[in-house]
Every structure is written in structure tokens, then in C-alpha cells.
Protein backbone atom coordinates (compact mmCIF):
# COMPACT_ATOMS: atom_id res chain seq x y z
CA MET A 1 17.63 6.42 -3.84
CA ARG A 2 17.25 4.06 -6.78
CA ASN A 3 15.72 5.41 -9.98
CA TYR A 4 12.15 4.25 -10.52
CA ASP A 5 12.29 4.69 -14.30
CA SER A 6 15.48 2.68 -14.78
CA ILE A 7 14.25 -0.18 -12.58
CA PHE A 8 10.97 -0.46 -14.47
CA LYS A 9 12.64 -0.12 -17.86
CA ASN A 10 14.89 -3.06 -17.01
CA LEU A 11 11.96 -5.03 -15.62
CA PHE A 12 9.85 -4.62 -18.74
CA LYS A 13 12.61 -5.68 -21.09
CA SER A 14 11.27 -9.13 -20.19
CA LYS A 15 8.41 -10.57 -22.22
CA LEU A 16 7.23 -12.31 -19.04
CA ALA A 17 6.86 -8.95 -17.24
CA ILE A 18 4.92 -7.47 -20.18
CA LYS A 19 2.66 -10.53 -20.25
CA ASP A 20 2.07 -10.31 -16.47
CA LEU A 21 1.14 -6.63 -16.71
CA LEU A 22 -1.25 -7.00 -19.65
CA LEU A 23 -2.95 -10.19 -18.43
CA HIS A 24 -3.48 -9.19 -14.82
CA PHE A 25 -3.86 -5.40 -14.89
CA ILE A 26 -5.22 -4.26 -18.27
CA ASP A 27 -8.95 -4.99 -18.48
CA GLU A 28 -9.52 -4.79 -22.21
CA VAL A 29 -11.12 -7.41 -24.48
CA ILE A 30 -8.26 -7.22 -26.99
CA ILE A 31 -5.77 -8.54 -24.38
CA LYS A 32 -7.30 -12.02 -24.63
CA GLU A 33 -6.50 -12.07 -28.36
CA ILE A 34 -2.76 -11.40 -27.97
CA ASP A 35 -0.16 -14.01 -28.90
CA PHE A 36 2.30 -13.29 -26.07
CA GLU A 37 5.04 -15.34 -27.71
CA SER A 38 5.10 -12.72 -30.47
CA ILE A 39 6.09 -9.80 -28.20
CA GLN A 40 8.86 -7.77 -29.83
CA LEU A 41 10.46 -4.68 -28.28
CA LEU A 42 11.03 -1.68 -30.56
CA PRO A 43 13.54 1.19 -30.35
CA THR A 44 12.56 3.76 -27.73
CA VAL A 45 14.31 6.71 -29.43
CA LEU A 46 11.77 8.21 -31.81
CA ASN A 47 12.65 10.54 -34.68
CA HIS A 48 16.34 9.95 -33.94
CA LYS A 49 17.47 11.78 -37.11
CA SER A 50 15.96 15.02 -35.87
CA LYS A 51 17.32 17.46 -33.30
CA HIS A 52 13.95 17.11 -31.60
CA SER A 53 14.09 13.35 -31.02
CA ARG A 54 11.96 11.93 -28.21
CA ILE A 55 12.57 8.96 -25.93
CA VAL A 56 9.64 6.82 -24.87
CA ASP A 57 9.95 4.38 -21.97
CA LEU A 58 8.65 1.24 -23.70
CA VAL A 59 7.34 0.36 -27.17
CA PHE A 60 6.50 -3.17 -28.24
CA ARG A 61 4.64 -5.06 -30.94
CA VAL A 62 2.35 -8.08 -30.60
CA LYS A 63 0.48 -10.30 -32.99
CA LEU A 64 -3.19 -11.13 -32.52
CA ASN A 65 -4.16 -14.79 -32.30
CA HIS A 66 -5.65 -16.31 -35.46
CA ARG A 67 -5.12 -13.03 -37.33
CA GLN A 68 -2.29 -11.79 -39.48
CA VAL A 69 -2.47 -8.44 -37.74
CA PHE A 70 0.03 -6.65 -35.54
CA MET A 71 -0.72 -3.98 -32.96
CA PHE A 72 1.52 -1.86 -30.75
CA PHE A 73 1.71 -0.65 -27.15
CA ILE A 74 3.45 2.42 -25.75
CA ILE A 75 4.05 2.45 -21.98
CA GLU A 76 5.17 5.54 -20.07
CA PHE A 77 6.35 5.21 -16.45
CA GLN A 78 5.37 8.14 -14.21
CA LEU A 79 6.12 9.11 -10.61
CA THR A 80 4.62 12.58 -10.98
CA ILE A 81 1.37 13.86 -12.45
CA ASN A 82 1.45 15.46 -15.90
CA LYS A 83 -1.73 17.40 -16.65
CA PHE A 84 -1.13 17.16 -20.39
CA MET A 85 -0.02 13.54 -20.56
CA ALA A 86 -2.53 12.95 -23.37
CA LEU A 87 -0.65 15.49 -25.51
CA ARG A 88 2.71 13.81 -24.81
CA LEU A 89 1.34 10.38 -25.69
CA ASN A 90 -0.26 11.77 -28.84
CA THR A 91 3.24 12.89 -29.86
CA TYR A 92 4.68 9.45 -29.07
CA VAL A 93 1.98 7.69 -31.07
CA SER A 94 2.56 9.97 -34.08
CA LEU A 95 6.33 9.52 -33.96
CA THR A 96 5.96 5.75 -33.59
CA LEU A 97 3.75 5.63 -36.67
CA GLU A 98 6.28 7.71 -38.60
CA TYR A 99 9.00 5.28 -37.54
CA LEU A 100 6.90 2.34 -38.70
CA LEU A 101 6.23 4.02 -42.04
CA ALA A 102 9.93 4.68 -42.52
CA SER A 103 10.80 1.03 -41.81
CA ASN A 104 8.81 -0.02 -44.92
CA ASN A 105 7.86 -3.42 -43.57
CA ILE A 106 5.15 -2.80 -41.00
CA LEU A 107 2.16 -1.65 -43.01
CA GLN A 108 -0.53 -4.29 -43.43
CA TYR A 109 -3.32 -3.98 -45.95
CA ASN A 110 -1.93 -0.51 -46.68
CA LYS A 111 -3.23 0.69 -43.28
CA LEU A 112 -1.62 1.99 -40.10
CA PRO A 113 -1.52 -0.43 -37.13
CA PRO A 114 -3.45 0.30 -33.91
CA ILE A 115 -1.44 1.63 -30.95
CA ILE A 116 -2.58 1.57 -27.31
CA PRO A 117 -0.80 4.07 -25.01
CA ILE A 118 -0.58 3.20 -21.31
CA VAL A 119 0.61 5.24 -18.32
CA LEU A 120 2.07 3.19 -15.46
CA TYR A 121 1.81 5.59 -12.51
CA ASN A 122 3.28 4.95 -9.06
CA GLY A 123 3.07 8.36 -7.39
CA LYS A 124 1.67 9.37 -4.01
CA ARG A 125 -1.35 11.36 -5.22
CA LYS A 126 -4.23 9.88 -7.18
CA TRP A 127 -3.96 10.29 -10.97
CA GLN A 128 -6.58 12.81 -12.09
CA PRO A 129 -5.59 14.32 -15.50
CA LYS A 130 -8.01 13.95 -18.40
CA LYS A 131 -7.27 10.80 -20.37
CA GLN A 132 -8.78 12.07 -23.64
CA LEU A 133 -6.74 14.67 -25.48
CA LEU A 134 -9.93 16.30 -26.74
CA ASP A 135 -10.87 17.18 -23.14
CA ASN A 136 -7.67 19.26 -22.82
CA PHE A 137 -8.82 21.76 -25.44
CA ILE A 138 -10.92 24.86 -24.80
CA GLN A 139 -14.53 23.86 -25.09
CA LEU A 140 -16.42 25.89 -27.70
CA PRO A 141 -20.16 25.66 -28.41
CA LYS A 142 -21.10 22.46 -30.22
CA ARG A 143 -22.72 24.47 -33.02
CA PHE A 144 -19.20 25.48 -34.17
CA ASN A 145 -18.46 21.81 -34.89
CA ILE A 146 -14.77 22.27 -34.01
CA ALA A 147 -14.15 18.89 -32.34
CA ARG A 148 -13.85 17.11 -35.69
CA PHE A 149 -10.60 19.01 -36.40
CA LEU A 150 -8.93 18.06 -33.12
CA PRO A 151 -6.93 14.90 -32.26
CA GLN A 152 -8.98 12.44 -30.23
CA ILE A 153 -6.46 10.06 -28.74
CA GLU A 154 -7.18 8.42 -25.36
CA TYR A 155 -4.78 6.54 -23.08
CA LEU A 156 -5.10 3.91 -20.34
CA VAL A 157 -3.75 4.68 -16.88
CA LEU A 158 -2.75 2.13 -14.26
CA ASP A 159 -2.53 3.93 -10.90
CA LEU A 160 -0.53 1.36 -8.92
CA GLY A 161 -0.97 3.07 -5.55
CA GLN A 162 -4.76 2.92 -5.81
CA ILE A 163 -4.94 -0.87 -6.18
CA LYS A 164 -6.14 -2.33 -2.87
CA VAL A 165 -4.23 -5.17 -1.19
CA SER A 166 -7.39 -7.29 -1.24
CA GLU A 167 -7.48 -7.01 -5.04
CA LEU A 168 -3.76 -7.76 -5.38
CA LYS A 169 -4.20 -10.94 -3.33
CA THR A 170 -6.66 -12.27 -5.93
CA LYS A 171 -3.94 -12.11 -8.61
CA THR A 172 -2.18 -15.20 -7.27
CA ASN A 173 -0.18 -15.88 -10.45
CA SER A 174 1.13 -12.34 -10.85
CA PHE A 175 4.60 -11.55 -9.53
CA ILE A 176 3.93 -7.85 -10.20
CA ALA A 177 0.90 -8.04 -7.87
CA LYS A 178 3.06 -9.52 -5.12
CA MET A 179 5.64 -6.75 -5.50
CA LEU A 180 2.91 -4.09 -5.40
CA GLU A 181 1.53 -5.70 -2.24
CA ILE A 182 4.97 -5.38 -0.63
CA GLU A 183 4.84 -1.63 -1.29
CA GLN A 184 1.71 -1.36 0.86
CA ILE A 185 2.67 -3.49 3.89
CA TYR A 186 5.16 -3.03 6.75
CA ASP A 187 5.40 -6.52 8.23
CA ILE A 188 8.99 -7.67 7.65
CA ARG A 189 8.35 -11.41 7.50
CA GLN A 190 5.34 -11.02 5.21
CA SER A 191 7.36 -8.71 2.98
CA ILE A 192 10.19 -11.21 2.55
CA ASN A 193 7.83 -14.11 1.95
CA LEU A 194 5.98 -12.13 -0.75
CA PHE A 195 9.30 -11.29 -2.41
CA ILE A 196 10.27 -14.96 -2.41
CA ASP A 197 6.82 -15.88 -3.81
CA ALA A 198 7.41 -13.39 -6.64
CA CYS A 199 10.82 -14.93 -7.36
CA GLU A 200 9.32 -18.42 -7.43
CA LEU A 201 6.86 -17.33 -10.14
CA VAL A 202 9.63 -16.22 -12.51
CA ILE A 203 12.69 -18.33 -11.72
CA ASP A 204 11.72 -21.27 -13.97
CA GLN A 205 10.52 -19.02 -16.81
CA ASP A 206 12.93 -16.08 -16.90
CA VAL A 207 15.79 -16.26 -14.39
CA GLY A 208 17.09 -12.94 -15.70
CA LEU A 209 14.11 -11.21 -14.09
CA LEU A 210 15.44 -11.96 -10.61
CA SER A 211 17.91 -9.07 -10.65
CA SER A 212 15.14 -6.64 -11.66
CA LEU A 213 12.89 -7.92 -8.87
CA GLU A 214 15.77 -7.58 -6.42
CA GLU A 215 16.32 -3.94 -7.45
CA TRP A 216 12.59 -3.22 -7.13
CA TYR A 217 12.51 -4.81 -3.68
CA LYS A 218 15.51 -2.79 -2.52
CA MET A 219 13.84 0.39 -3.78
CA ILE A 220 10.75 -0.44 -1.71
CA LEU A 221 12.87 -1.03 1.40
CA GLU A 222 14.77 2.22 0.90
CA ALA A 223 11.50 4.14 0.62
CA LYS A 224 10.56 2.69 4.04
CA GLY A 225 13.95 3.57 5.56
CA ILE A 226 15.24 -0.01 5.69
CA LYS A 227 18.90 -0.68 4.86
CA ASP A 228 19.57 -2.83 1.78
CA PRO A 229 19.86 -6.51 2.53
CA VAL A 230 22.55 -8.37 0.57
CA PHE A 231 20.86 -10.85 -1.76
CA GLU A 232 22.20 -13.70 -3.79
CA VAL A 233 18.96 -14.69 -5.44
CA ASN A 234 18.90 -18.29 -6.65
CA LYS A 235 16.67 -21.30 -6.44
CA GLU A 236 18.21 -22.84 -3.32
CA MET A 237 18.21 -19.49 -1.51
CA ILE A 238 14.50 -19.10 -2.17
CA LYS A 239 13.62 -22.48 -0.64
CA THR A 240 16.07 -22.26 2.29
CA ARG A 241 15.45 -18.64 3.25
CA LYS A 242 11.68 -18.96 3.31
CA LYS A 243 11.87 -22.01 5.61
CA LEU A 244 14.48 -20.38 7.86
CA ILE A 245 12.51 -17.14 8.25
CA ASN A 246 9.33 -18.98 9.16
CA ASN A 247 11.15 -21.23 11.65
CA ILE A 248 12.89 -18.32 13.40
CA PHE A 249 9.72 -16.29 13.86
CA GLU A 250 7.59 -19.27 14.84
CA GLU A 251 10.11 -20.57 17.39
CA ALA A 252 10.41 -17.13 18.98
CA ARG A 253 6.65 -16.73 19.05
CA LEU A 254 5.98 -20.08 20.70
CA LYS A 255 8.76 -19.74 23.25
CA GLY A 256 7.75 -16.20 24.15
CA LEU A 257 4.12 -17.23 24.47
CA ALA A 258 4.91 -20.12 26.83
CA GLU A 259 7.28 -18.11 29.02
CA GLY A 260 4.91 -15.17 29.09
CA ARG A 261 2.01 -17.34 30.20
CA ALA A 262 3.99 -18.98 33.03
CA GLU A 263 5.48 -15.76 34.38
CA GLY A 264 2.27 -13.82 33.97
CA LYS A 265 0.28 -16.45 35.83
CA ALA A 266 2.70 -16.50 38.80
CA GLU A 267 3.03 -12.73 39.07
CA GLY A 268 -0.66 -12.16 38.57
CA LYS A 269 -1.59 -14.62 41.29
CA ALA A 270 0.79 -13.03 43.82
CA GLU A 271 -0.19 -9.46 43.02
CA GLY A 272 -3.87 -10.26 42.95
CA LYS A 273 -3.74 -11.94 46.34
CA ALA A 274 -1.90 -9.00 47.93
CA GLU A 275 -4.20 -6.37 46.44
CA GLY A 276 -7.29 -8.35 47.35
CA LYS A 277 -6.17 -8.78 50.94
CA ALA A 278 -5.39 -5.05 51.34
CA GLU A 279 -8.74 -3.97 49.94
CA GLY A 280 -10.64 -6.49 52.06
CA LYS A 281 -8.88 -5.47 55.26
CA ALA A 282 -9.52 -1.75 54.62
CA GLU A 283 -13.24 -2.33 54.20
CA GLY A 284 -13.28 -4.34 57.43
CA LYS A 285 -15.94 -6.67 56.25
CA ALA A 286 -15.66 -10.29 55.36
CA GLU A 287 -17.81 -9.84 52.29
CA GLY A 288 -15.78 -6.84 51.07
CA LYS A 289 -12.56 -8.67 51.75
CA ALA A 290 -13.64 -11.62 49.66
CA GLU A 291 -14.88 -9.43 46.79
CA GLY A 292 -11.80 -7.21 46.84
CA LYS A 293 -9.50 -10.18 46.91
CA ALA A 294 -11.24 -11.72 43.93
CA GLU A 295 -11.25 -8.50 41.91
CA GLY A 296 -7.65 -7.68 42.74
CA LYS A 297 -6.55 -11.17 41.89
CA ALA A 298 -8.31 -11.05 38.53
CA GLU A 299 -6.92 -7.62 37.62
CA GLY A 300 -3.42 -8.47 38.74
CA LYS A 301 -3.47 -11.75 36.92
CA ALA A 302 -4.61 -10.10 33.69
CA GLU A 303 -2.04 -7.30 33.88
CA GLY A 304 0.75 -9.66 34.87
CA LYS A 305 -0.15 -12.10 32.13
CA ALA A 306 -0.13 -9.37 29.47
CA GLU A 307 3.16 -7.90 30.63
CA GLY A 308 4.72 -11.32 31.06
CA LYS A 309 3.58 -12.39 27.61
CA ALA A 310 5.17 -9.33 25.95
CA GLU A 311 8.40 -9.65 27.92
CA GLY A 312 8.50 -13.38 27.41
CA LYS A 313 8.06 -13.01 23.65
CA ALA A 314 10.98 -10.57 23.48
CA GLU A 315 13.12 -12.87 25.62
CA GLY A 316 12.17 -15.76 23.38
CA GLN A 317 13.26 -13.84 20.27
CA ALA A 318 16.53 -12.90 22.01
CA SER A 319 17.21 -16.53 22.89
CA VAL A 320 16.53 -17.67 19.32
CA LEU A 321 18.76 -14.94 17.89
CA LEU A 322 21.60 -15.89 20.27
CA LYS A 323 21.29 -19.53 19.19
CA GLN A 324 21.43 -18.53 15.52
CA LEU A 325 24.48 -16.29 16.13
CA GLN A 326 26.26 -19.06 18.04
CA PHE A 327 25.46 -21.50 15.26
CA LYS A 328 26.79 -19.13 12.61
CA PHE A 329 29.72 -17.42 14.39
CA GLY A 330 30.60 -19.58 17.43
CA SER A 331 30.83 -18.26 21.02
CA ILE A 332 29.19 -14.90 21.78
CA ASP A 333 30.80 -12.14 23.86
CA ALA A 334 29.05 -11.44 27.21
CA ALA A 335 28.56 -7.76 26.30
CA ILE A 336 26.87 -8.71 23.02
CA GLU A 337 24.65 -11.23 24.80
CA SER A 338 23.64 -8.57 27.34
CA ARG A 339 22.84 -6.11 24.57
CA ILE A 340 20.67 -8.65 22.76
CA ARG A 341 18.77 -9.68 25.89
CA SER A 342 17.99 -6.03 26.74
CA ALA A 343 16.97 -5.11 23.17
CA THR A 344 13.47 -4.02 22.14
CA LYS A 345 11.19 -6.19 20.01
CA ASP A 346 11.74 -3.93 16.97
CA GLU A 347 15.52 -4.23 17.34
CA LEU A 348 15.29 -8.02 17.61
CA ASP A 349 13.04 -8.19 14.51
CA LYS A 350 15.59 -6.16 12.54
CA TRP A 351 18.59 -8.24 13.71
CA ILE A 352 16.85 -11.53 12.93
CA ILE A 353 16.31 -10.38 9.33
CA LYS A 354 19.89 -9.06 8.99
CA LEU A 355 21.20 -12.40 10.23
CA LEU A 356 20.22 -13.81 6.83
CA SER A 357 22.44 -11.47 4.86
CA GLU A 358 25.29 -10.04 6.97
CA ASN A 359 28.59 -11.81 7.50
CA THR A 360 29.69 -10.42 10.90
CA ILE A 361 27.99 -9.86 14.26
CA LYS A 362 29.05 -6.22 14.14
CA ASP A 363 27.24 -5.70 10.80
CA ILE A 364 24.13 -7.42 12.15
CA LEU A 365 23.90 -5.22 15.26
CA ASP A 366 24.87 -1.94 13.56
């Protein structure tokens, strides 16, 4: 299983990824004032001269538009819930400020810069810990006036698993939103198309991001029990693969629909006529015979049409897959053709996708 932390750390080495996250997912007024061209990553090892050094996932500096002021962000990636995350982030903020003081070139107007801590959480359970450090302390009566002596840091939390697909779809210019949508869906074709959409959003701005998106996508597939596809992500692949995937699925759908309709209509008519005749004869009445025949014909036609449509769709997918295999590898062994024609719809879906990445028929059907 790929490591979530390492994938996200590589992803957010990109200024474009940081910009995407802040613009589309952090709802704070100050975000609109950021000069995103000024993003500068800082060392993530804090207090490195001490035996008790700490490593934070991401620290970066930005400049505010029309102001000679810098501010900082600390981002921590989490898969599990930490009840005292506010305390950890308080430590990170303090160590970051100490680092900035020691660097001798960060202070402005002889003041400390503002720092916003953010937790990027992608766990299964909803994030529930208190976001204000003050709320983690024992609550004493207000008359003691103790709160003024306690640290009062607060952090932002972005619970990725709680963002609804409908909301992600509104973020049309966010490649992070498209990747998060992939995590919540199980349709193979839709998943691949969303991945390609995400690649298209970054390829002309930061081609180096493609490898990080590929690793993220593979991690999502692994979590769903799907074997890694082999990718060679580039501009031509994005255009070609998207068109090929849509053509394969659409051709199979149309062919299966047509064959299913024809076979279902023929079988339904024959079965309906036989059932209607049997029912009418048993009743011994002309009126009953006519009614039974009509009802039996209708029921048989409906059942036959449904079954024929499903079988026809599978046969259509099998035919399309065989054509693609013949196009790519030449003649197909009779045993392989028999296996493909008797395969289930799920197996055919999987093989059609693997056709895009595997180099032998054996690898495709394994």
C-alpha cells in the first residue's frame, strides 16, 4: 500500500497544488489577498540543532497583495484522528517562529508574522477533536480568570472524506477536487476520465505534477482492490486515451442495446404466445384465452427483452474487446475467444480497461 503522507508531501511541493488547495478549499477572507507567485517552501525540520527536533509535513510563506507583509502556513497530513492535534500544532507554530527569529531576516516591523495551521485529514471517521487548544484544558470557573494564562491557538481542518461529490463537481477548475471525487466513485470509465481531466488542468502549468497525480490515483485504485495500471502520462496519452475509452464503452453499449432489443423481442413474442395459448385453453373460454394470451405475451416480451438486453450488451462488449485484441495483437486463439465470449460483464469491463496498459493478452486476462 502506498504511503499517504509521502504522496501528499510530494504533491504539495508544487506551488500549483498549494494554490489549488487554498483557493478552492480554504474559505477565509485572507486567501483572496495572497500573491500566489510568492509561495516559498520552508524547511520542515524544526529545531534541528536539538535532540528533540520535530518534522512538520509542510511549511510555506506567502506575500499579501499590495502589502509588504509575509504570512505563513503549516499543513499537517492526517489519516488518523489525534485528540490533541491543537497541542501538536501549537508546538509546530512555536518552533516555526523560533526558526524565523533565528534566521534574522524574517521579522517585519519588529513583529512576529501570522501563521495559519491547517490539518488535511483523509481518514474514514469524521474529524471531531476540538480545534481550539484552550478547549483541551480542564475548565475551571470563570471567576478564577485562568484562561488568560493559557495558549489560545486554533487550527483549520479540511476533512476530505466529508466533502460531498455534488460540492466537488462545482470546483471545475480544481484538479484536487477531481481526484477527491475519484475517491468516492466506483465507475471505472468515470474514474479514468476524471483522472485525465485532472491531468489536463496541470499539464500546461506544472508537468512535474503528473507523477504525483499518478501516484495518488494508483493509491485510490489500490484502496479499492484494483491492480495498478501502467501509465505513461503525457499530453498525447491524455487526448488519445480519453477518446479511446469513450469509443470502446459507447460502441459496446450501442451494439449490446441493439442486439438485446432484437433478441428480446423475438423471444418475448414466442414465449408470450405459448403462455397465452396455454392459459386460454385451460380456462376453456374464448374471453379467458384472449386475455391470457395478451397477458402472457406482454410478460414474456418484457422478461425476454430485459434478459436479451443484458446478454446482448455483454456480447457486444465481448465483440468489441475481441476486435481491439485482434487489432493490437493479431489473430486470437479459439480458447481465448471462447473465454471472452463467456465472461461476465464485470470481467469484460476490467479487461477493456487493462487493454489500455498491458502488453500481452495473458496480462490482460490475468
